Protein backbone atom coordinates (compact mmCIF):
# COMPACT_ATOMS: atom_id res chain seq x y z
CA MET A 1 111.31 75.14 121.09
CA LYS A 2 112.27 78.74 120.68
CA ARG A 3 111.58 78.77 117.07
CA LEU A 4 107.86 77.62 117.77
CA LYS A 5 107.43 80.27 120.34
CA MET A 6 108.63 83.12 117.68
CA LEU A 7 106.30 81.46 115.12
CA VAL A 8 103.65 81.25 117.11
CA LEU A 9 103.82 85.23 118.50
CA GLY A 10 104.36 86.04 114.67
CA LEU A 11 101.22 84.70 113.58
CA LEU A 12 99.32 86.09 117.03
CA LEU A 13 100.36 89.57 115.85
CA GLY A 14 99.67 88.99 112.75
CA LEU A 15 96.01 88.46 113.16
CA CYS A 16 95.79 90.91 115.68
CA LEU A 17 97.06 93.81 112.90
CA GLY A 18 95.19 92.14 110.16
CA LEU A 19 91.99 92.42 111.91
CA TRP A 20 92.24 95.97 113.24
CA PHE A 21 93.27 97.12 109.52
CA GLY A 22 90.49 94.69 107.71
CA VAL A 23 87.83 96.59 110.19
CA ASN A 24 88.69 100.01 109.08
CA ILE A 25 89.37 99.35 105.42
CA GLY A 26 85.92 97.67 105.99
CA LYS A 27 84.27 100.27 107.80
CA GLY A 28 86.12 102.84 105.36
CA LYS A 29 87.53 104.57 107.90
CA PRO A 30 91.69 105.58 108.17
CA LEU A 31 93.95 102.44 108.82
CA TYR A 32 95.17 103.35 112.07
CA SER A 33 91.99 104.96 113.67
CA ASN A 34 90.00 102.83 116.94
CA PRO A 35 87.95 100.19 115.32
CA PHE A 36 85.74 99.96 118.45
CA ASP A 37 84.47 103.08 118.15
CA GLY A 38 81.08 103.34 117.04
CA ASP A 39 79.27 106.08 115.78
CA SER A 40 76.84 108.09 118.43
CA PHE A 41 73.21 107.93 118.01
CA GLN A 42 73.14 111.62 116.88
CA GLU A 43 75.42 110.74 113.99
CA LYS A 44 73.15 107.47 113.34
CA ALA A 45 69.45 109.24 113.48
CA LYS A 46 70.76 112.29 111.33
CA ARG A 47 72.31 109.41 108.72
CA THR A 48 69.11 107.96 108.86
CA ALA A 49 66.74 110.60 108.51
CA ASP A 50 68.96 112.29 105.49
CA GLU A 51 68.35 108.54 103.82
CA VAL A 52 64.66 109.12 104.69
CA LEU A 53 63.90 112.52 102.96
CA GLU A 54 66.32 111.51 99.94
CA ASP A 55 63.72 108.12 99.48
CA THR A 56 60.88 110.44 99.73
CA LYS A 57 62.54 112.71 97.62
CA ARG A 58 62.87 110.22 95.01
CA ALA A 59 59.27 108.74 95.89
CA LEU A 60 57.65 112.11 94.86
CA ARG A 61 59.26 113.50 92.27
CA LYS A 62 58.30 109.76 90.31
CA SER A 63 54.92 109.74 91.47
CA LEU A 64 54.89 113.25 89.87
CA ASP A 65 55.93 112.06 86.31
């Protein structure tokens, strides 16, 4: 019974750590950073505005060629 408890505990710890690291890898963040820490609204708005600006530049250059 003690072996079963240790096995389940090991699986749960491994699952939690794997999920923590996997989320950070997927987001391109350092492994030990907080995976639940999201970008602020200002950062998201700035990133979106930069993308729109780049797309507009490409469209204008393409139309002038």
